[in-house]
Amino acid sequence: MYIFLLALFVISCGSRNSSNSSGYRTTNVSYYANKFNGNRTASGETYRHSKMTGAHKSLSFGTRVEIINIENDKSVIITVNDRGPLKPSREFDLSQGAFKKIGKLNDGIIKVKYKILK
C-alpha cells in the first residue's frame, strides 16, 4: 500500500503543465504541416497558414488564448478553431502564421506559457 501511495504522489507531482499565480500555464507547442493548408478544421472553417488560429483538445471553438514564447517573450493571440494535437506533451498546435510570431518554424516545438482570455 505504501509503495502504491508513493507512486501516486510521484506521478501527480510530474504534471506536464504547470500554472503560476498570474494564471499562465506552461506547455510545448508546434505548428500545422504544409499539407493541412486549405483543409477543413473541426469547427468547419478552412485552415489557412496565415490566420492566427490553433488546435486544442477541449477548449470551445472561438476561445482566444494568449501564447508567449518563454525564451524570447514574444506573444500571439490565437483563436481555437480545431481539435488536437495528438501528442500528449503538447496543449496546442498553432497555425504557421501564429507560430512565426513567437518563434522560427525550424524550431519545430517551443516551450510557451499561455492564458485563456475568453
Protein backbone atom coordinates (compact mmCIF):
# COMPACT_ATOMS: atom_id res chain seq x y z
CA MET A 1 0.00 0.00 0.00
CA TYR A 2 2.82 2.41 0.90
CA ILE A 3 4.51 1.86 -2.47
CA PHE A 4 1.24 2.50 -4.30
CA LEU A 5 0.68 5.79 -2.46
CA LEU A 6 4.28 6.85 -3.06
CA ALA A 7 3.96 6.07 -6.78
CA LEU A 8 0.69 8.00 -6.96
CA PHE A 9 2.33 11.01 -5.28
CA VAL A 10 5.30 10.96 -7.67
CA ILE A 11 3.04 10.75 -10.71
CA SER A 12 0.87 13.65 -9.52
CA CYS A 13 3.95 15.82 -8.98
CA GLY A 14 5.13 15.23 -12.52
CA SER A 15 2.38 17.10 -14.32
CA ARG A 16 3.31 18.13 -17.85
CA ASN A 17 1.72 21.53 -17.45
CA SER A 18 2.26 23.91 -14.61
CA SER A 19 0.44 27.02 -13.52
CA ASN A 20 1.51 30.07 -11.57
CA SER A 21 -0.27 32.84 -9.70
CA SER A 22 -0.59 35.01 -12.84
CA GLY A 23 -2.92 32.47 -14.43
CA TYR A 24 -0.42 31.29 -17.03
CA ARG A 25 0.29 27.61 -17.64
CA THR A 26 3.30 26.17 -19.44
CA THR A 27 3.37 23.62 -22.23
CA ASN A 28 5.03 22.86 -25.56
CA VAL A 29 3.51 23.88 -28.89
CA SER A 30 4.14 23.00 -32.51
CA TYR A 31 2.52 24.03 -35.79
CA TYR A 32 0.49 22.60 -38.66
CA ALA A 33 2.35 20.92 -41.51
CA ASN A 34 2.11 22.40 -45.03
CA LYS A 35 -0.27 19.66 -46.21
CA PHE A 36 -3.10 20.99 -43.99
CA ASN A 37 -3.35 24.43 -45.64
CA GLY A 38 -6.80 24.68 -47.23
CA ASN A 39 -8.28 21.72 -45.30
CA ARG A 40 -11.39 21.99 -43.15
CA THR A 41 -10.88 22.25 -39.39
CA ALA A 42 -13.08 20.50 -36.81
CA SER A 43 -15.03 23.77 -36.46
CA GLY A 44 -15.81 23.78 -40.19
CA GLU A 45 -13.51 26.70 -41.02
CA THR A 46 -10.89 26.41 -43.74
CA TYR A 47 -7.41 26.23 -42.24
CA ARG A 48 -5.03 28.92 -43.52
CA HIS A 49 -1.38 29.20 -42.51
CA SER A 50 -1.68 32.99 -42.33
CA LYS A 51 -4.51 33.08 -39.75
CA MET A 52 -3.83 33.37 -36.01
CA THR A 53 -5.50 30.09 -35.08
CA GLY A 54 -4.77 26.88 -33.27
CA ALA A 55 -5.97 23.46 -32.21
CA HIS A 56 -6.75 22.34 -28.65
CA LYS A 57 -8.24 19.09 -27.38
CA SER A 58 -11.16 20.55 -25.43
CA LEU A 59 -11.38 24.36 -25.41
CA SER A 60 -14.51 25.67 -27.10
CA PHE A 61 -14.18 26.84 -30.67
CA GLY A 62 -13.75 30.61 -30.69
CA THR A 63 -11.80 30.66 -27.41
CA ARG A 64 -8.99 33.22 -27.55
CA VAL A 65 -5.67 32.31 -25.96
CA GLU A 66 -2.55 34.38 -25.38
CA ILE A 67 0.58 32.34 -26.04
CA ILE A 68 4.06 33.60 -25.05
CA ASN A 69 7.38 32.06 -26.04
CA ILE A 70 9.29 31.61 -22.77
CA GLU A 71 12.70 32.07 -24.43
CA ASN A 72 12.10 35.39 -26.22
CA ASP A 73 8.92 36.76 -24.57
CA LYS A 74 7.20 37.20 -27.97
CA SER A 75 3.44 36.71 -27.85
CA VAL A 76 0.50 35.98 -30.09
CA ILE A 77 -3.24 35.71 -29.51
CA ILE A 78 -4.87 32.78 -31.27
CA THR A 79 -8.44 31.64 -31.73
CA VAL A 80 -9.15 27.93 -31.23
CA ASN A 81 -10.81 26.51 -34.35
CA ASP A 82 -9.63 22.89 -34.46
CA ARG A 83 -9.05 19.78 -32.36
CA GLY A 84 -5.64 18.38 -31.48
CA PRO A 85 -2.76 17.99 -31.05
CA LEU A 86 -2.42 14.23 -30.88
CA LYS A 87 0.80 14.38 -28.85
CA PRO A 88 0.06 14.32 -25.10
CA SER A 89 3.07 16.53 -24.36
CA ARG A 90 1.53 19.50 -26.22
CA GLU A 91 -1.58 21.54 -25.47
CA PHE A 92 -1.76 23.39 -28.81
CA ASP A 93 -0.87 23.12 -32.47
CA LEU A 94 -0.59 26.61 -33.94
CA SER A 95 -1.07 27.86 -37.46
CA GLN A 96 2.26 28.59 -39.13
CA GLY A 97 1.47 32.31 -39.05
CA ALA A 98 0.89 32.26 -35.29
CA PHE A 99 3.99 30.13 -34.67
CA LYS A 100 6.14 32.53 -36.72
CA LYS A 101 5.02 35.43 -34.49
CA ILE A 102 6.69 33.79 -31.48
CA GLY A 103 9.41 31.56 -32.96
CA LYS A 104 11.03 30.10 -36.05
CA LEU A 105 9.49 27.20 -37.95
CA ASN A 106 12.87 25.46 -37.79
CA ASP A 107 12.45 25.29 -34.00
CA GLY A 108 9.63 22.78 -34.54
CA ILE A 109 8.49 22.67 -30.92
CA ILE A 110 8.83 25.50 -28.42
CA LYS A 111 8.06 25.91 -24.73
CA VAL A 112 5.43 28.54 -24.03
CA LYS A 113 3.22 29.92 -21.33
CA TYR A 114 -0.42 30.52 -22.15
CA LYS A 115 -3.50 32.11 -20.69
CA ILE A 116 -7.11 31.68 -21.74
CA LEU A 117 -8.61 35.09 -22.49
CA LYS A 118 -12.25 34.17 -23.21
